[in-house]
Amino acid sequence: MINARAETVHEKPAYRHSFKSRRALIPVSGFYEWFPTEKVGKSGRPLKQPYYIRVDCTIVT
């Protein structure tokens, strides 16, 4: 697994031990969120559309 939500990482069994024993900061320029659309897939569930959310950090001195 390559990602975890910061809000729930301490609750997930796959990340629980690592979260307690070691941490890392990974710089990113953004992330994806998936939103349901009006279209329905073969499974009968709504298809999801990825949206890239850019994190813009501007340092003003």
N, C-alpha and C. Protein backbone atom coordinates (compact mmCIF):
# COMPACT_ATOMS: atom_id res chain seq x y z
N MET A 1 0.85 -1.18 0.00
CA MET A 1 0.00 0.00 0.00
C MET A 1 0.89 1.23 0.00
N ILE A 2 0.49 2.24 -0.76
CA ILE A 2 1.37 3.38 -0.92
C ILE A 2 0.86 4.66 -0.27
N ASN A 3 -0.38 4.65 0.23
CA ASN A 3 -0.85 5.89 0.82
C ASN A 3 -1.82 5.61 1.97
N ALA A 4 -1.95 6.59 2.83
CA ALA A 4 -2.87 6.50 3.95
C ALA A 4 -3.35 7.90 4.28
N ARG A 5 -4.57 8.00 4.75
CA ARG A 5 -5.08 9.30 5.16
C ARG A 5 -4.53 9.66 6.54
N ALA A 6 -4.07 10.86 6.69
CA ALA A 6 -3.47 11.29 7.95
C ALA A 6 -4.46 11.19 9.11
N GLU A 7 -5.75 11.36 8.80
CA GLU A 7 -6.77 11.36 9.86
C GLU A 7 -6.99 9.97 10.46
N THR A 8 -6.74 8.91 9.68
CA THR A 8 -7.07 7.57 10.16
C THR A 8 -5.88 6.61 10.16
N VAL A 9 -4.69 7.08 9.88
CA VAL A 9 -3.54 6.18 9.78
C VAL A 9 -3.28 5.41 11.08
N HIS A 10 -3.53 6.02 12.22
CA HIS A 10 -3.30 5.34 13.50
C HIS A 10 -4.34 4.25 13.79
N GLU A 11 -5.46 4.25 13.07
CA GLU A 11 -6.51 3.26 13.29
C GLU A 11 -6.38 2.03 12.40
N LYS A 12 -5.70 2.14 11.28
CA LYS A 12 -5.64 1.06 10.29
C LYS A 12 -4.60 0.01 10.71
N PRO A 13 -5.00 -1.28 10.68
CA PRO A 13 -4.07 -2.34 11.08
C PRO A 13 -2.78 -2.36 10.25
N ALA A 14 -2.86 -2.04 8.97
CA ALA A 14 -1.68 -2.10 8.10
C ALA A 14 -0.63 -1.05 8.47
N TYR A 15 -1.03 0.04 9.09
CA TYR A 15 -0.12 1.14 9.39
C TYR A 15 0.12 1.35 10.89
N ARG A 16 -0.63 0.70 11.73
CA ARG A 16 -0.61 0.97 13.17
C ARG A 16 0.79 0.86 13.78
N HIS A 17 1.50 -0.24 13.54
CA HIS A 17 2.83 -0.42 14.13
C HIS A 17 3.82 0.61 13.60
N SER A 18 3.83 0.81 12.30
CA SER A 18 4.76 1.79 11.71
C SER A 18 4.48 3.19 12.22
N PHE A 19 3.22 3.52 12.39
CA PHE A 19 2.86 4.85 12.88
C PHE A 19 3.41 5.08 14.28
N LYS A 20 3.37 4.05 15.12
CA LYS A 20 3.86 4.18 16.49
C LYS A 20 5.38 4.25 16.56
N SER A 21 6.08 3.53 15.67
CA SER A 21 7.53 3.40 15.80
C SER A 21 8.35 4.32 14.90
N ARG A 22 7.81 4.76 13.79
CA ARG A 22 8.60 5.62 12.90
C ARG A 22 7.67 6.50 12.07
N ARG A 23 8.20 7.62 11.66
CA ARG A 23 7.41 8.58 10.89
C ARG A 23 8.29 9.17 9.79
N ALA A 24 7.66 9.68 8.76
CA ALA A 24 8.39 10.33 7.67
C ALA A 24 7.51 11.41 7.06
N LEU A 25 8.15 12.47 6.63
CA LEU A 25 7.45 13.52 5.88
C LEU A 25 7.75 13.31 4.41
N ILE A 26 6.71 13.23 3.62
CA ILE A 26 6.86 13.04 2.18
C ILE A 26 6.34 14.29 1.49
N PRO A 27 7.22 15.08 0.90
CA PRO A 27 6.75 16.28 0.21
C PRO A 27 5.96 15.92 -1.05
N VAL A 28 4.81 16.53 -1.20
CA VAL A 28 3.98 16.30 -2.37
C VAL A 28 3.49 17.64 -2.91
N SER A 29 3.12 17.65 -4.16
CA SER A 29 2.59 18.87 -4.75
C SER A 29 1.06 18.83 -4.82
N GLY A 30 0.47 17.70 -4.47
CA GLY A 30 -0.97 17.57 -4.49
C GLY A 30 -1.40 16.14 -4.25
N PHE A 31 -2.69 15.89 -4.36
CA PHE A 31 -3.23 14.55 -4.14
C PHE A 31 -4.53 14.41 -4.91
N TYR A 32 -5.00 13.18 -5.04
CA TYR A 32 -6.24 12.89 -5.74
C TYR A 32 -7.36 12.58 -4.76
N GLU A 33 -8.54 13.06 -5.06
CA GLU A 33 -9.76 12.68 -4.38
C GLU A 33 -10.70 12.14 -5.45
N TRP A 34 -11.50 11.16 -5.10
CA TRP A 34 -12.41 10.53 -6.05
C TRP A 34 -13.84 10.89 -5.69
N PHE A 35 -14.59 11.42 -6.66
CA PHE A 35 -15.97 11.83 -6.45
C PHE A 35 -16.90 11.02 -7.35
N PRO A 36 -18.03 10.56 -6.81
CA PRO A 36 -18.97 9.80 -7.64
C PRO A 36 -19.59 10.69 -8.73
N THR A 37 -19.89 10.08 -9.88
CA THR A 37 -20.53 10.80 -10.98
C THR A 37 -21.96 10.30 -11.15
N GLU A 38 -22.65 10.87 -12.12
CA GLU A 38 -24.02 10.45 -12.44
C GLU A 38 -24.02 9.10 -13.17
N LYS A 39 -22.91 8.75 -13.82
CA LYS A 39 -22.83 7.52 -14.60
C LYS A 39 -22.74 6.31 -13.68
N VAL A 40 -23.34 5.20 -14.14
CA VAL A 40 -23.33 3.96 -13.38
C VAL A 40 -22.52 2.92 -14.16
N GLY A 41 -21.65 2.21 -13.46
CA GLY A 41 -20.81 1.20 -14.09
C GLY A 41 -21.52 -0.14 -14.21
N LYS A 42 -20.81 -1.14 -14.71
CA LYS A 42 -21.36 -2.48 -14.89
C LYS A 42 -21.78 -3.12 -13.57
N SER A 43 -21.14 -2.72 -12.49
CA SER A 43 -21.45 -3.28 -11.17
C SER A 43 -22.71 -2.66 -10.57
N GLY A 44 -23.23 -1.61 -11.22
CA GLY A 44 -24.41 -0.93 -10.68
C GLY A 44 -24.07 0.21 -9.75
N ARG A 45 -22.80 0.40 -9.48
CA ARG A 45 -22.37 1.50 -8.61
C ARG A 45 -21.96 2.70 -9.45
N PRO A 46 -22.04 3.90 -8.86
CA PRO A 46 -21.63 5.10 -9.62
C PRO A 46 -20.15 5.06 -9.97
N LEU A 47 -19.82 5.49 -11.18
CA LEU A 47 -18.42 5.62 -11.57
C LEU A 47 -17.83 6.81 -10.82
N LYS A 48 -16.54 6.76 -10.56
CA LYS A 48 -15.89 7.84 -9.82
C LYS A 48 -14.95 8.62 -10.73
N GLN A 49 -14.90 9.92 -10.52
CA GLN A 49 -14.06 10.83 -11.28
C GLN A 49 -12.91 11.29 -10.39
N PRO A 50 -11.65 11.12 -10.83
CA PRO A 50 -10.53 11.62 -10.01
C PRO A 50 -10.37 13.13 -10.18
N TYR A 51 -10.12 13.81 -9.08
CA TYR A 51 -9.81 15.24 -9.09
C TYR A 51 -8.46 15.42 -8.42
N TYR A 52 -7.57 16.10 -9.09
CA TYR A 52 -6.26 16.38 -8.53
C TYR A 52 -6.34 17.69 -7.77
N ILE A 53 -5.99 17.65 -6.52
CA ILE A 53 -6.01 18.85 -5.68
C ILE A 53 -4.57 19.26 -5.45
N ARG A 54 -4.23 20.42 -5.97
CA ARG A 54 -2.86 20.91 -5.90
C ARG A 54 -2.64 21.67 -4.60
N VAL A 55 -1.53 21.38 -3.97
CA VAL A 55 -1.15 22.09 -2.75
C VAL A 55 -0.13 23.15 -3.17
N ASP A 56 -0.51 24.39 -3.03
CA ASP A 56 0.35 25.49 -3.43
C ASP A 56 0.92 26.16 -2.19
N CYS A 57 2.21 26.03 -2.01
CA CYS A 57 2.88 26.63 -0.87
C CYS A 57 3.73 27.81 -1.36
N THR A 58 3.33 28.97 -0.95
CA THR A 58 4.08 30.16 -1.32
C THR A 58 4.70 30.75 -0.06
N ILE A 59 6.00 30.95 -0.10
CA ILE A 59 6.70 31.55 1.05
C ILE A 59 6.94 33.01 0.74
N VAL A 60 6.45 33.86 1.63
CA VAL A 60 6.64 35.30 1.46
C VAL A 60 7.55 35.78 2.58
N THR A 61 8.61 36.48 2.19
CA THR A 61 9.52 36.99 3.22
C THR A 61 9.51 38.50 3.23
